[in-house]
Amino acid sequence: MNCRAGVSAGNYIVGTGITPGTFVVTVNTNSSVVLSQSAVASGSQTLYFNPSLTGVTRAQAGAALSFTLSTTSNVITGASTSG
């Protein structure tokens, strides 16, 4: 899965384990994304990406992908499609 589909630097992220206001800093590889803040939970989570802070719902998000989070890390890995 290429996580770049619908995900780019500056996209805001919403999901379990993600602090409100967190955004994508860079997309490192096809399955790794660097966030502006560290995750606050661990495990596999579905995250929603949107270029703005408003309208981040499943129907309006630019992409919904499952990633593996690790507390105290701002790198999320293992992108796969979700939805």
Protein backbone atom coordinates (compact mmCIF):
# COMPACT_ATOMS: atom_id res chain seq x y z
CA MET A 1 0.00 0.00 0.00
CA ASN A 2 1.35 3.39 -0.94
CA CYS A 3 0.44 5.67 1.97
CA ARG A 4 1.13 8.69 -0.22
CA ALA A 5 -2.28 8.23 -1.84
CA GLY A 6 -4.26 11.06 -0.24
CA VAL A 7 -1.62 11.85 2.40
CA SER A 8 0.81 14.75 2.15
CA ALA A 9 2.83 17.09 4.35
CA GLY A 10 0.55 19.52 6.14
CA ASN A 11 -2.45 17.16 6.34
CA TYR A 12 -4.07 17.13 9.77
CA ILE A 13 -4.63 13.75 11.41
CA VAL A 14 -7.48 12.55 13.61
CA GLY A 15 -7.67 9.17 15.33
CA THR A 16 -7.19 7.27 18.56
CA GLY A 17 -3.77 8.00 20.03
CA ILE A 18 -3.28 11.23 18.07
CA THR A 19 -3.22 14.58 19.89
CA PRO A 20 -5.62 17.16 18.38
CA GLY A 21 -3.82 19.52 16.00
CA THR A 22 -1.23 16.93 14.91
CA PHE A 23 -0.24 17.13 11.26
CA VAL A 24 2.01 15.30 8.76
CA VAL A 25 5.54 16.68 8.65
CA THR A 26 6.84 14.34 5.94
CA VAL A 27 5.99 11.09 4.21
CA ASN A 28 9.28 9.14 4.51
CA THR A 29 8.49 5.97 2.60
CA ASN A 30 5.51 4.12 1.21
CA SER A 31 4.58 3.03 4.74
CA SER A 32 6.12 5.58 7.13
CA VAL A 33 4.89 9.05 8.07
CA VAL A 34 6.49 11.60 10.44
CA LEU A 35 4.02 13.51 12.63
CA SER A 36 4.33 16.92 14.27
CA GLN A 37 3.71 15.33 17.69
CA SER A 38 4.33 11.93 19.24
CA ALA A 39 1.51 9.41 19.52
CA VAL A 40 -0.10 9.03 22.94
CA ALA A 41 -1.18 5.39 22.43
CA SER A 42 0.27 2.24 20.93
CA GLY A 43 -1.14 -0.34 18.56
CA SER A 44 -2.88 -0.45 15.21
CA GLN A 45 -5.26 2.47 14.65
CA THR A 46 -7.25 3.90 11.75
CA LEU A 47 -6.19 7.50 11.18
CA TYR A 48 -7.99 10.10 9.08
CA PHE A 49 -6.06 12.67 7.05
CA ASN A 50 -7.40 16.03 5.87
CA PRO A 51 -5.82 19.27 4.63
CA SER A 52 -7.87 21.30 7.13
CA LEU A 53 -8.94 20.95 10.76
CA THR A 54 -12.62 20.99 9.83
CA GLY A 55 -14.63 18.20 8.29
CA VAL A 56 -12.36 15.38 9.34
CA THR A 57 -14.89 12.58 9.23
CA ARG A 58 -14.71 9.28 7.36
CA ALA A 59 -16.88 10.66 4.58
CA GLN A 60 -14.84 13.86 4.21
CA ALA A 61 -11.29 12.76 4.95
CA GLY A 62 -8.76 12.74 2.15
CA ALA A 63 -7.55 9.30 3.23
CA ALA A 64 -8.25 6.76 5.94
CA LEU A 65 -5.33 4.45 6.63
CA SER A 66 -4.40 1.99 9.37
CA PHE A 67 -1.03 2.58 10.99
CA THR A 68 0.88 1.15 13.93
CA LEU A 69 1.48 3.73 16.66
CA SER A 70 4.05 3.68 19.41
CA THR A 71 3.83 6.00 22.41
CA THR A 72 6.53 8.67 22.57
CA SER A 73 7.28 8.28 18.85
CA ASN A 74 6.30 10.72 16.12
CA VAL A 75 6.84 8.14 13.35
CA ILE A 76 3.90 5.92 12.38
CA THR A 77 4.41 2.83 10.24
CA GLY A 78 2.69 0.03 8.38
CA ALA A 79 0.14 1.88 6.28
CA SER A 80 -2.77 -0.08 4.88
CA THR A 81 -6.10 0.98 3.46
CA SER A 82 -9.06 1.19 5.76
CA GLY A 83 -12.72 1.80 5.33
